[in-house]
N, C-alpha and C. Protein backbone atom coordinates (compact mmCIF):
# COMPACT_ATOMS: atom_id res chain seq x y z
N UNK A 1 65.17 102.09 76.81
CA UNK A 1 65.29 102.98 77.96
C UNK A 1 66.42 102.51 78.88
N UNK A 2 67.29 103.41 79.24
CA UNK A 2 68.36 103.12 80.18
C UNK A 2 67.85 103.38 81.60
N UNK A 3 68.04 102.42 82.49
CA UNK A 3 67.55 102.53 83.86
C UNK A 3 68.75 102.54 84.80
N UNK A 4 68.80 103.53 85.68
CA UNK A 4 69.92 103.65 86.61
C UNK A 4 69.40 103.95 88.01
N UNK A 5 69.86 103.17 88.98
CA UNK A 5 69.53 103.39 90.38
C UNK A 5 70.81 103.71 91.14
N UNK A 6 70.76 104.75 91.97
CA UNK A 6 71.94 105.19 92.70
C UNK A 6 71.61 105.34 94.18
N UNK A 7 72.27 104.55 95.00
CA UNK A 7 72.14 104.68 96.45
C UNK A 7 70.73 104.52 96.97
N UNK A 8 70.02 103.53 96.46
CA UNK A 8 68.60 103.37 96.82
C UNK A 8 68.46 102.70 98.18
N UNK A 9 67.71 103.36 99.05
CA UNK A 9 67.29 102.79 100.33
C UNK A 9 65.76 102.80 100.36
N UNK A 10 65.18 101.73 100.86
CA UNK A 10 63.74 101.71 101.08
C UNK A 10 63.50 101.22 102.49
N UNK A 11 62.85 102.07 103.28
CA UNK A 11 62.58 101.78 104.68
C UNK A 11 61.08 101.93 104.93
N UNK A 12 60.49 100.91 105.53
CA UNK A 12 59.07 100.94 105.86
C UNK A 12 58.91 101.10 107.37
N UNK A 13 57.89 101.88 107.75
CA UNK A 13 57.56 102.03 109.17
C UNK A 13 58.37 103.13 109.83
N UNK A 14 57.80 103.70 110.87
CA UNK A 14 58.47 104.78 111.59
C UNK A 14 58.83 104.36 113.01
N UNK A 15 57.88 103.74 113.73
CA UNK A 15 58.17 103.35 115.11
C UNK A 15 59.15 102.19 115.16
N UNK A 16 58.97 101.24 114.23
CA UNK A 16 59.91 100.13 114.11
C UNK A 16 60.34 100.01 112.65
N UNK A 17 61.23 100.87 112.21
CA UNK A 17 61.60 100.89 110.79
C UNK A 17 62.24 99.59 110.32
N UNK A 18 61.84 99.16 109.12
CA UNK A 18 62.41 97.97 108.49
C UNK A 18 63.06 98.37 107.19
N UNK A 19 64.35 98.13 107.07
CA UNK A 19 65.07 98.47 105.85
C UNK A 19 64.98 97.29 104.88
N UNK A 20 64.36 97.52 103.74
CA UNK A 20 64.16 96.47 102.74
C UNK A 20 65.23 96.53 101.66
N UNK A 21 65.59 97.73 101.23
CA UNK A 21 66.66 97.92 100.24
C UNK A 21 67.74 98.78 100.87
N UNK A 22 68.99 98.35 100.72
CA UNK A 22 70.08 98.96 101.48
C UNK A 22 71.19 99.43 100.54
N UNK A 23 71.17 100.72 100.21
CA UNK A 23 72.22 101.34 99.39
C UNK A 23 72.43 100.59 98.08
N UNK A 24 71.32 100.35 97.40
CA UNK A 24 71.33 99.54 96.17
C UNK A 24 71.61 100.44 94.96
N UNK A 25 72.56 100.03 94.14
CA UNK A 25 72.88 100.76 92.91
C UNK A 25 73.02 99.76 91.76
N UNK A 26 72.49 100.12 90.60
CA UNK A 26 72.64 99.28 89.42
C UNK A 26 72.30 100.11 88.18
N UNK A 27 72.83 99.69 87.05
CA UNK A 27 72.52 100.32 85.77
C UNK A 27 72.16 99.24 84.77
N UNK A 28 71.05 99.43 84.10
CA UNK A 28 70.60 98.51 83.06
C UNK A 28 70.54 99.28 81.76
N UNK A 29 71.34 98.89 80.81
CA UNK A 29 71.40 99.62 79.55
C UNK A 29 70.16 99.37 78.71
N UNK A 30 69.89 100.31 77.84
CA UNK A 30 68.72 100.22 76.98
C UNK A 30 68.73 98.93 76.16
N UNK A 31 67.63 98.19 76.20
CA UNK A 31 67.51 96.96 75.44
C UNK A 31 68.00 95.72 76.16
N UNK A 32 68.56 95.87 77.37
CA UNK A 32 69.04 94.71 78.12
C UNK A 32 67.86 93.90 78.69
N UNK A 33 68.13 92.64 78.99
CA UNK A 33 67.16 91.74 79.62
C UNK A 33 67.79 91.24 80.91
N UNK A 34 67.22 91.65 82.04
CA UNK A 34 67.77 91.35 83.36
C UNK A 34 66.75 90.57 84.18
N UNK A 35 67.21 89.55 84.89
CA UNK A 35 66.36 88.81 85.83
C UNK A 35 66.87 89.08 87.24
N UNK A 36 65.93 89.20 88.17
CA UNK A 36 66.25 89.41 89.58
C UNK A 36 65.63 88.26 90.38
N UNK A 37 66.47 87.54 91.09
CA UNK A 37 66.03 86.42 91.90
C UNK A 37 66.29 86.73 93.38
N UNK A 38 65.83 85.83 94.24
CA UNK A 38 66.06 86.03 95.66
C UNK A 38 64.95 85.41 96.48
N UNK A 39 65.20 85.16 97.74
CA UNK A 39 64.19 84.52 98.60
C UNK A 39 63.01 85.44 98.85
N UNK A 40 61.90 84.86 99.29
CA UNK A 40 60.73 85.64 99.66
C UNK A 40 61.10 86.63 100.75
N UNK A 41 60.60 87.85 100.63
CA UNK A 41 60.89 88.87 101.63
C UNK A 41 62.21 89.58 101.43
N UNK A 42 62.89 89.30 100.30
CA UNK A 42 64.20 89.92 100.07
C UNK A 42 64.11 91.32 99.50
N UNK A 43 62.90 91.74 99.10
CA UNK A 43 62.72 93.10 98.57
C UNK A 43 62.49 93.16 97.08
N UNK A 44 62.27 92.01 96.44
CA UNK A 44 62.09 92.01 94.98
C UNK A 44 60.87 92.83 94.56
N UNK A 45 59.75 92.63 95.24
CA UNK A 45 58.54 93.37 94.88
C UNK A 45 58.71 94.86 95.17
N UNK A 46 59.39 95.19 96.27
CA UNK A 46 59.64 96.60 96.59
C UNK A 46 60.48 97.24 95.49
N UNK A 47 61.49 96.53 95.02
CA UNK A 47 62.34 97.05 93.95
C UNK A 47 61.53 97.25 92.68
N UNK A 48 60.69 96.28 92.34
CA UNK A 48 59.90 96.40 91.13
C UNK A 48 58.90 97.56 91.24
N UNK A 49 58.35 97.79 92.41
CA UNK A 49 57.45 98.93 92.61
C UNK A 49 58.17 100.25 92.40
N UNK A 50 59.41 100.33 92.83
CA UNK A 50 60.20 101.54 92.60
C UNK A 50 60.47 101.74 91.11
N UNK A 51 60.87 100.66 90.44
CA UNK A 51 61.16 100.74 89.01
C UNK A 51 59.91 101.08 88.20
N UNK A 52 58.75 100.66 88.70
CA UNK A 52 57.50 100.93 88.00
C UNK A 52 56.85 102.25 88.36
N UNK A 53 57.56 103.08 89.12
CA UNK A 53 57.03 104.38 89.55
C UNK A 53 55.73 104.23 90.34
N UNK A 54 55.59 103.11 91.04
CA UNK A 54 54.46 102.88 91.91
C UNK A 54 54.78 103.29 93.35
N UNK A 55 56.06 103.49 93.64
CA UNK A 55 56.51 103.87 94.97
C UNK A 55 57.78 104.70 94.81
N UNK A 56 58.17 105.39 95.86
CA UNK A 56 59.37 106.22 95.84
C UNK A 56 60.39 105.70 96.86
N UNK A 57 61.68 105.83 96.57
CA UNK A 57 62.69 105.40 97.53
C UNK A 57 62.72 106.33 98.75
N UNK A 58 63.15 105.80 99.87
CA UNK A 58 63.34 106.64 101.05
C UNK A 58 64.52 107.58 100.83
N UNK A 59 65.58 107.03 100.26
CA UNK A 59 66.73 107.82 99.83
C UNK A 59 67.20 107.27 98.49
N UNK A 60 67.93 108.10 97.75
CA UNK A 60 68.49 107.66 96.48
C UNK A 60 67.73 108.17 95.28
N UNK A 61 68.26 107.86 94.11
CA UNK A 61 67.70 108.38 92.86
C UNK A 61 67.50 107.25 91.84
N UNK A 62 66.45 107.41 91.04
CA UNK A 62 66.16 106.50 89.93
C UNK A 62 66.07 107.33 88.66
N UNK A 63 66.85 106.95 87.67
CA UNK A 63 66.86 107.67 86.40
C UNK A 63 66.34 106.77 85.29
N UNK A 64 65.44 107.32 84.47
CA UNK A 64 65.06 106.72 83.19
C UNK A 64 65.73 107.56 82.12
N UNK A 65 66.69 106.97 81.41
CA UNK A 65 67.58 107.75 80.55
C UNK A 65 68.23 108.83 81.43
N UNK A 66 68.04 110.09 81.13
CA UNK A 66 68.66 111.15 81.94
C UNK A 66 67.67 111.79 82.90
N UNK A 67 66.48 111.24 83.03
CA UNK A 67 65.42 111.86 83.82
C UNK A 67 65.30 111.23 85.20
N UNK A 68 65.39 112.05 86.24
CA UNK A 68 65.22 111.59 87.61
C UNK A 68 63.73 111.47 87.90
N UNK A 69 63.26 110.23 88.11
CA UNK A 69 61.82 109.99 88.34
C UNK A 69 61.52 109.64 89.79
N UNK A 70 62.55 109.62 90.64
CA UNK A 70 62.38 109.09 91.99
C UNK A 70 61.39 109.88 92.84
N UNK A 71 61.29 111.17 92.62
CA UNK A 71 60.35 111.97 93.41
C UNK A 71 59.49 112.88 92.55
N UNK A 72 59.20 112.42 91.36
CA UNK A 72 58.33 113.19 90.47
C UNK A 72 56.92 113.24 91.05
N UNK A 73 56.16 114.29 90.76
CA UNK A 73 54.76 114.35 91.22
C UNK A 73 53.96 113.17 90.69
N UNK A 74 52.92 112.77 91.42
CA UNK A 74 52.14 111.60 91.05
C UNK A 74 51.56 111.72 89.65
N UNK A 75 51.13 112.90 89.24
CA UNK A 75 50.57 113.07 87.90
C UNK A 75 51.62 112.73 86.83
N UNK A 76 52.86 113.12 87.08
CA UNK A 76 53.93 112.81 86.14
C UNK A 76 54.23 111.32 86.16
N UNK A 77 54.26 110.73 87.35
CA UNK A 77 54.54 109.30 87.47
C UNK A 77 53.44 108.47 86.80
N UNK A 78 52.21 108.91 86.93
CA UNK A 78 51.09 108.22 86.27
C UNK A 78 51.26 108.23 84.76
N UNK A 79 51.69 109.37 84.23
CA UNK A 79 51.90 109.47 82.78
C UNK A 79 53.06 108.58 82.34
N UNK A 80 54.11 108.53 83.15
CA UNK A 80 55.25 107.65 82.84
C UNK A 80 54.80 106.19 82.82
N UNK A 81 54.01 105.79 83.80
CA UNK A 81 53.51 104.40 83.85
C UNK A 81 52.68 104.07 82.61
N UNK A 82 51.86 104.99 82.20
CA UNK A 82 50.96 104.74 81.07
C UNK A 82 51.71 104.71 79.74
N UNK A 83 52.64 105.62 79.57
CA UNK A 83 53.25 105.81 78.26
C UNK A 83 54.60 105.11 78.08
N UNK A 84 55.30 104.81 79.17
CA UNK A 84 56.68 104.34 79.02
C UNK A 84 56.99 103.01 79.70
N UNK A 85 56.04 102.48 80.50
CA UNK A 85 56.30 101.23 81.22
C UNK A 85 55.19 100.23 80.94
N UNK A 86 55.58 99.00 80.63
CA UNK A 86 54.61 97.92 80.48
C UNK A 86 54.75 96.96 81.66
N UNK A 87 53.62 96.53 82.22
CA UNK A 87 53.63 95.65 83.38
C UNK A 87 53.03 94.29 83.02
N UNK A 88 53.68 93.22 83.48
CA UNK A 88 53.14 91.86 83.36
C UNK A 88 53.14 91.26 84.76
N UNK A 89 51.97 90.79 85.21
CA UNK A 89 51.82 90.29 86.57
C UNK A 89 51.62 88.77 86.57
N UNK A 90 51.85 88.16 87.73
CA UNK A 90 51.70 86.71 87.85
C UNK A 90 50.28 86.25 87.54
N UNK A 91 49.30 87.01 87.98
CA UNK A 91 47.90 86.61 87.82
C UNK A 91 47.19 87.35 86.70
N UNK A 92 47.95 87.77 85.71
CA UNK A 92 47.47 88.31 84.44
C UNK A 92 46.85 89.70 84.57
N UNK A 93 45.93 89.89 85.53
CA UNK A 93 45.27 91.19 85.73
C UNK A 93 44.53 91.66 84.47
N UNK A 94 43.94 90.72 83.75
CA UNK A 94 43.11 91.04 82.60
C UNK A 94 41.66 91.23 83.03
N UNK A 95 40.87 91.85 82.19
CA UNK A 95 39.45 92.08 82.49
C UNK A 95 38.63 90.98 81.83
N UNK A 96 38.05 90.06 82.62
CA UNK A 96 37.39 88.88 82.05
C UNK A 96 36.16 89.20 81.23
N UNK A 97 35.54 90.35 81.45
CA UNK A 97 34.35 90.69 80.68
C UNK A 97 34.64 91.23 79.30
N UNK A 98 35.91 91.46 79.00
CA UNK A 98 36.30 92.00 77.70
C UNK A 98 36.92 90.90 76.84
N UNK A 99 36.93 91.14 75.54
CA UNK A 99 37.57 90.21 74.62
C UNK A 99 39.08 90.40 74.66
N UNK A 100 39.77 89.52 73.96
CA UNK A 100 41.23 89.62 73.87
C UNK A 100 41.65 90.97 73.30
N UNK A 101 41.06 91.34 72.16
CA UNK A 101 41.48 92.59 71.54
C UNK A 101 41.07 93.81 72.37
N UNK A 102 39.98 93.73 73.09
CA UNK A 102 39.57 94.85 73.94
C UNK A 102 40.53 95.03 75.11
N UNK A 103 41.02 93.92 75.68
CA UNK A 103 42.01 94.01 76.75
C UNK A 103 43.30 94.65 76.27
N UNK A 104 43.75 94.25 75.09
CA UNK A 104 45.00 94.80 74.55
C UNK A 104 44.83 96.27 74.18
N UNK A 105 43.66 96.63 73.72
CA UNK A 105 43.40 98.00 73.26
C UNK A 105 43.23 98.99 74.40
N UNK A 106 42.85 98.50 75.59
CA UNK A 106 42.49 99.40 76.69
C UNK A 106 43.57 100.42 77.05
N UNK A 107 44.83 100.04 77.22
CA UNK A 107 45.85 101.06 77.55
C UNK A 107 45.95 102.15 76.48
N UNK A 108 45.73 101.79 75.22
CA UNK A 108 45.80 102.79 74.15
C UNK A 108 44.63 103.76 74.24
N UNK A 109 43.46 103.25 74.61
CA UNK A 109 42.32 104.14 74.81
C UNK A 109 42.61 105.13 75.92
N UNK A 110 43.18 104.64 77.02
CA UNK A 110 43.51 105.52 78.14
C UNK A 110 44.54 106.57 77.75
N UNK A 111 45.42 106.23 76.81
CA UNK A 111 46.46 107.16 76.35
C UNK A 111 45.99 108.05 75.22
N UNK A 112 44.77 107.86 74.75
CA UNK A 112 44.22 108.72 73.70
C UNK A 112 44.69 108.39 72.30
N UNK A 113 45.11 107.15 72.08
CA UNK A 113 45.55 106.72 70.74
C UNK A 113 44.31 106.60 69.84
N UNK A 114 44.43 107.09 68.62
CA UNK A 114 43.29 107.07 67.70
C UNK A 114 42.90 105.63 67.33
N UNK A 115 41.61 105.48 66.97
CA UNK A 115 41.05 104.15 66.75
C UNK A 115 41.81 103.37 65.68
N UNK A 116 42.12 104.01 64.56
CA UNK A 116 42.82 103.31 63.48
C UNK A 116 44.17 102.78 63.92
N UNK A 117 44.90 103.60 64.68
CA UNK A 117 46.19 103.18 65.19
C UNK A 117 46.04 102.07 66.22
N UNK A 118 45.00 102.16 67.05
CA UNK A 118 44.75 101.10 68.04
C UNK A 118 44.53 99.77 67.35
N UNK A 119 43.69 99.75 66.33
CA UNK A 119 43.38 98.51 65.64
C UNK A 119 44.62 97.91 64.98
N UNK A 120 45.46 98.78 64.40
CA UNK A 120 46.67 98.30 63.74
C UNK A 120 47.63 97.70 64.76
N UNK A 121 47.79 98.36 65.90
CA UNK A 121 48.69 97.84 66.92
C UNK A 121 48.17 96.53 67.50
N UNK A 122 46.87 96.46 67.76
CA UNK A 122 46.29 95.23 68.31
C UNK A 122 46.54 94.07 67.35
N UNK A 123 46.29 94.29 66.07
CA UNK A 123 46.49 93.22 65.09
C UNK A 123 47.94 92.76 65.09
N UNK A 124 48.87 93.71 65.13
CA UNK A 124 50.28 93.36 65.13
C UNK A 124 50.70 92.61 66.38
N UNK A 125 50.20 93.04 67.52
CA UNK A 125 50.56 92.40 68.79
C UNK A 125 49.97 90.99 68.89
N UNK A 126 48.72 90.82 68.46
CA UNK A 126 48.12 89.49 68.52
C UNK A 126 48.78 88.53 67.54
N UNK A 127 49.24 89.04 66.42
CA UNK A 127 49.99 88.21 65.48
C UNK A 127 51.32 87.79 66.11
N UNK A 128 51.95 88.72 66.81
CA UNK A 128 53.23 88.44 67.45
C UNK A 128 53.12 87.31 68.47
N UNK A 129 52.01 87.29 69.24
CA UNK A 129 51.86 86.26 70.28
C UNK A 129 51.09 85.04 69.77
N UNK A 130 50.69 85.06 68.49
CA UNK A 130 50.04 83.91 67.88
C UNK A 130 48.59 83.71 68.28
N UNK A 131 47.91 84.79 68.65
CA UNK A 131 46.51 84.67 69.08
C UNK A 131 45.56 85.53 68.26
N UNK A 132 45.93 85.80 67.02
CA UNK A 132 45.07 86.65 66.19
C UNK A 132 43.70 86.01 65.95
N UNK A 133 43.64 84.68 65.93
CA UNK A 133 42.35 84.01 65.71
C UNK A 133 41.45 84.07 66.94
N UNK A 134 42.02 84.39 68.09
CA UNK A 134 41.25 84.48 69.33
C UNK A 134 40.87 85.92 69.68
N UNK A 135 41.03 86.83 68.74
CA UNK A 135 40.84 88.26 69.03
C UNK A 135 39.48 88.58 69.64
N UNK A 136 38.44 87.90 69.20
CA UNK A 136 37.08 88.20 69.66
C UNK A 136 36.61 87.30 70.79
N UNK A 137 37.48 86.45 71.30
CA UNK A 137 37.10 85.57 72.40
C UNK A 137 37.19 86.31 73.74
N UNK A 138 36.31 85.93 74.67
CA UNK A 138 36.40 86.45 76.02
C UNK A 138 37.63 85.85 76.71
N UNK A 139 38.22 86.64 77.58
CA UNK A 139 39.43 86.20 78.27
C UNK A 139 39.23 84.89 79.01
N UNK A 140 38.07 84.70 79.61
CA UNK A 140 37.81 83.51 80.40
C UNK A 140 37.82 82.22 79.61
N UNK A 141 37.76 82.28 78.28
CA UNK A 141 37.78 81.07 77.47
C UNK A 141 39.20 80.61 77.14
N UNK A 142 40.21 81.39 77.53
CA UNK A 142 41.60 81.07 77.19
C UNK A 142 42.28 80.29 78.31
N UNK A 143 43.32 79.57 77.94
CA UNK A 143 44.15 78.88 78.93
C UNK A 143 45.00 79.91 79.68
N UNK A 144 45.62 79.46 80.78
CA UNK A 144 46.49 80.36 81.54
C UNK A 144 47.63 80.90 80.71
N UNK A 145 48.26 80.03 79.92
CA UNK A 145 49.35 80.47 79.07
C UNK A 145 48.91 81.49 78.04
N UNK A 146 47.75 81.27 77.44
CA UNK A 146 47.22 82.22 76.47
C UNK A 146 46.91 83.56 77.12
N UNK A 147 46.35 83.51 78.32
CA UNK A 147 46.04 84.76 79.03
C UNK A 147 47.31 85.55 79.33
N UNK A 148 48.38 84.85 79.71
CA UNK A 148 49.61 85.57 80.01
C UNK A 148 50.22 86.16 78.75
N UNK A 149 50.06 85.49 77.62
CA UNK A 149 50.51 86.08 76.35
C UNK A 149 49.73 87.35 76.04
N UNK A 150 48.43 87.33 76.30
CA UNK A 150 47.62 88.54 76.11
C UNK A 150 48.11 89.64 77.05
N UNK A 151 48.48 89.28 78.28
CA UNK A 151 49.00 90.27 79.23
C UNK A 151 50.29 90.89 78.72
N UNK A 152 51.14 90.10 78.08
CA UNK A 152 52.37 90.65 77.49
C UNK A 152 52.02 91.61 76.36
N UNK A 153 51.07 91.22 75.50
CA UNK A 153 50.66 92.10 74.41
C UNK A 153 50.09 93.41 74.95
N UNK A 154 49.26 93.31 75.98
CA UNK A 154 48.70 94.53 76.57
C UNK A 154 49.80 95.43 77.12
N UNK A 155 50.82 94.82 77.75
CA UNK A 155 51.92 95.60 78.31
C UNK A 155 52.68 96.37 77.24
N UNK A 156 52.63 95.89 76.01
CA UNK A 156 53.36 96.53 74.90
C UNK A 156 52.51 97.49 74.10
N UNK A 157 51.24 97.65 74.49
CA UNK A 157 50.30 98.39 73.66
C UNK A 157 50.72 99.83 73.41
N UNK A 158 51.29 100.48 74.41
CA UNK A 158 51.68 101.89 74.26
C UNK A 158 53.15 102.07 73.93
N UNK A 159 53.76 101.03 73.36
CA UNK A 159 55.14 101.07 72.89
C UNK A 159 56.11 101.51 73.99
N UNK A 160 56.11 100.83 75.14
CA UNK A 160 56.96 101.25 76.25
C UNK A 160 58.43 101.01 75.99
N UNK A 161 59.27 101.76 76.72
CA UNK A 161 60.70 101.52 76.66
C UNK A 161 61.16 100.54 77.71
N UNK A 162 60.28 100.26 78.69
CA UNK A 162 60.63 99.39 79.81
C UNK A 162 59.50 98.40 80.06
N UNK A 163 59.85 97.11 80.13
CA UNK A 163 58.90 96.05 80.44
C UNK A 163 59.28 95.44 81.78
N UNK A 164 58.33 95.45 82.74
CA UNK A 164 58.54 94.87 84.06
C UNK A 164 57.65 93.65 84.21
N UNK A 165 58.23 92.53 84.57
CA UNK A 165 57.47 91.28 84.70
C UNK A 165 57.67 90.72 86.10
N UNK A 166 56.58 90.60 86.85
CA UNK A 166 56.62 90.13 88.23
C UNK A 166 56.14 88.68 88.30
N UNK A 167 57.07 87.74 88.41
CA UNK A 167 56.74 86.31 88.44
C UNK A 167 55.76 85.94 87.32
N UNK A 168 56.07 86.27 86.06
CA UNK A 168 55.10 86.10 84.98
C UNK A 168 54.71 84.67 84.69
N UNK A 169 55.51 83.71 85.16
CA UNK A 169 55.19 82.29 84.90
C UNK A 169 54.81 81.55 86.18
N UNK A 170 54.60 82.28 87.27
CA UNK A 170 54.35 81.65 88.55
C UNK A 170 53.08 80.82 88.61
N UNK A 171 52.11 81.12 87.74
CA UNK A 171 50.84 80.39 87.74
C UNK A 171 50.71 79.43 86.57
N UNK A 172 51.80 79.19 85.85
CA UNK A 172 51.73 78.42 84.61
C UNK A 172 52.39 77.06 84.75
N UNK A 173 51.94 76.11 83.89
CA UNK A 173 52.60 74.82 83.82
C UNK A 173 53.88 74.93 82.99
N UNK A 174 54.61 73.84 82.90
CA UNK A 174 55.91 73.86 82.25
C UNK A 174 55.87 74.31 80.80
N UNK A 175 54.94 73.74 80.02
CA UNK A 175 54.87 74.08 78.61
C UNK A 175 54.46 75.53 78.40
N UNK A 176 53.49 76.00 79.16
CA UNK A 176 53.05 77.39 79.05
C UNK A 176 54.16 78.35 79.46
N UNK A 177 54.95 77.96 80.47
CA UNK A 177 56.08 78.78 80.90
C UNK A 177 57.06 78.98 79.76
N UNK A 178 57.38 77.90 79.05
CA UNK A 178 58.30 78.01 77.92
C UNK A 178 57.75 78.92 76.84
N UNK A 179 56.47 78.80 76.53
CA UNK A 179 55.85 79.60 75.47
C UNK A 179 55.86 81.09 75.84
N UNK A 180 55.49 81.39 77.08
CA UNK A 180 55.45 82.79 77.50
C UNK A 180 56.85 83.39 77.54
N UNK A 181 57.83 82.64 78.01
CA UNK A 181 59.18 83.16 78.08
C UNK A 181 59.79 83.35 76.69
N UNK A 182 59.42 82.51 75.75
CA UNK A 182 59.87 82.72 74.37
C UNK A 182 59.31 84.02 73.82
N UNK A 183 58.05 84.33 74.15
CA UNK A 183 57.45 85.59 73.72
C UNK A 183 58.18 86.77 74.34
N UNK A 184 58.44 86.71 75.64
CA UNK A 184 59.11 87.82 76.32
C UNK A 184 60.52 88.02 75.77
N UNK A 185 61.23 86.93 75.54
CA UNK A 185 62.58 87.05 74.98
C UNK A 185 62.54 87.64 73.57
N UNK A 186 61.58 87.21 72.76
CA UNK A 186 61.47 87.74 71.40
C UNK A 186 61.12 89.23 71.42
N UNK A 187 60.26 89.63 72.35
CA UNK A 187 59.92 91.05 72.50
C UNK A 187 61.18 91.86 72.81
N UNK A 188 61.96 91.35 73.75
CA UNK A 188 63.20 92.04 74.12
C UNK A 188 64.15 92.16 72.94
N UNK A 189 64.27 91.10 72.17
CA UNK A 189 65.22 91.09 71.05
C UNK A 189 64.74 91.95 69.88
N UNK A 190 63.49 91.76 69.50
CA UNK A 190 63.01 92.40 68.27
C UNK A 190 62.63 93.86 68.46
N UNK A 191 62.22 94.23 69.67
CA UNK A 191 61.77 95.60 69.92
C UNK A 191 62.73 96.39 70.79
N UNK A 192 63.80 95.75 71.23
CA UNK A 192 64.80 96.42 72.08
C UNK A 192 64.18 97.07 73.30
N UNK A 193 63.19 96.39 73.88
CA UNK A 193 62.54 96.89 75.09
C UNK A 193 63.37 96.43 76.30
N UNK A 194 63.82 97.36 77.10
CA UNK A 194 64.53 97.03 78.32
C UNK A 194 63.61 96.18 79.20
N UNK A 195 64.06 95.00 79.58
CA UNK A 195 63.20 94.04 80.26
C UNK A 195 63.79 93.65 81.61
N UNK A 196 62.99 93.81 82.67
CA UNK A 196 63.40 93.44 84.03
C UNK A 196 62.36 92.46 84.57
N UNK A 197 62.82 91.27 84.91
CA UNK A 197 61.94 90.18 85.31
C UNK A 197 62.31 89.70 86.70
N UNK A 198 61.31 89.55 87.55
CA UNK A 198 61.50 88.98 88.89
C UNK A 198 60.97 87.55 88.89
N UNK A 199 61.77 86.61 89.39
CA UNK A 199 61.34 85.21 89.37
C UNK A 199 62.03 84.41 90.47
N UNK A 200 61.37 83.33 90.90
CA UNK A 200 61.99 82.35 91.79
C UNK A 200 62.59 81.19 91.00
N UNK A 201 62.24 81.11 89.70
CA UNK A 201 62.56 79.94 88.89
C UNK A 201 63.88 80.14 88.15
N UNK A 202 64.91 79.36 88.45
CA UNK A 202 66.20 79.53 87.77
C UNK A 202 66.12 79.27 86.27
N UNK A 203 65.19 78.40 85.83
CA UNK A 203 65.05 78.16 84.39
C UNK A 203 64.48 79.38 83.68
N UNK A 204 63.60 80.10 84.35
CA UNK A 204 63.06 81.34 83.79
C UNK A 204 64.15 82.41 83.78
N UNK A 205 64.89 82.53 84.87
CA UNK A 205 65.95 83.53 84.96
C UNK A 205 67.00 83.33 83.87
N UNK A 206 67.18 82.07 83.44
CA UNK A 206 68.21 81.76 82.44
C UNK A 206 67.92 82.40 81.08
N UNK A 207 66.69 82.84 80.85
CA UNK A 207 66.37 83.51 79.59
C UNK A 207 67.01 84.90 79.52
N UNK A 208 67.34 85.47 80.67
CA UNK A 208 67.89 86.82 80.71
C UNK A 208 69.36 86.85 80.34
N UNK A 209 69.84 88.03 79.94
CA UNK A 209 71.26 88.20 79.64
C UNK A 209 72.09 88.31 80.91
N UNK A 210 71.46 88.84 81.96
CA UNK A 210 72.16 89.07 83.22
C UNK A 210 71.22 88.70 84.36
N UNK A 211 71.73 87.97 85.36
CA UNK A 211 70.92 87.56 86.50
C UNK A 211 71.53 88.16 87.77
N UNK A 212 70.70 88.85 88.54
CA UNK A 212 71.10 89.38 89.84
C UNK A 212 70.35 88.62 90.94
N UNK A 213 70.98 88.52 92.09
CA UNK A 213 70.31 87.96 93.27
C UNK A 213 70.18 89.06 94.31
N UNK A 214 68.96 89.25 94.79
CA UNK A 214 68.68 90.25 95.81
C UNK A 214 68.59 89.56 97.17
N UNK A 215 69.45 89.96 98.07
CA UNK A 215 69.49 89.34 99.39
C UNK A 215 69.97 90.37 100.40
N UNK A 216 69.28 90.42 101.55
CA UNK A 216 69.59 91.38 102.60
C UNK A 216 69.62 92.81 102.07
N UNK A 217 68.72 93.08 101.13
CA UNK A 217 68.55 94.43 100.62
C UNK A 217 69.60 94.87 99.61
N UNK A 218 70.46 93.94 99.18
CA UNK A 218 71.52 94.29 98.25
C UNK A 218 71.55 93.34 97.07
N UNK A 219 71.99 93.87 95.92
CA UNK A 219 72.05 93.06 94.70
C UNK A 219 73.43 92.46 94.54
N UNK A 220 73.45 91.21 94.11
CA UNK A 220 74.70 90.53 93.81
C UNK A 220 74.62 89.99 92.38
N UNK A 221 75.57 90.38 91.55
CA UNK A 221 75.55 90.00 90.14
C UNK A 221 76.44 88.81 89.85
């Protein structure tokens, strides 16, 4: 998926407006791997929310391929999130009462994927992240690194064109960080999934093909 932002402004508040993103423009070609760094409060989360169709810009346009999604109705944006975007969060956001394979399968159930196809995709994804033997384990029995790998697999369940990762290694130790980032890089390479990662860690950002710094509401490449 090709992602293009043109003249993006994001302003919060009316009585005392705060401009978080200031005339931001960028293009990420299909299959690229981009990291976005910057200090706390620089607007990284706001930018990721816009890219994930969780929020709309105050001004400007966001295109997925040739489609303007910046002000699409919520029902359309919900469908885009489910079918075309995979999310990976710092704190995994997995359901502890479900098994590994049930967590990975859940987005497919919500999208109406047939059972046989769900099982085949789950098996393939768990093999990819090296956790096929843990398929029937409850999430709470896994290490932090293993849980984040499951979160990556879940994000890929509906074959998205765009993968968004928000500080995906922020809760992990050094070894787990390396393992998770190797998985994300391999996903980007082997599946040509456009990947946008937000991080404070320069070692994590180094996995990307292109690193941008967000500061004072503007991107610097």
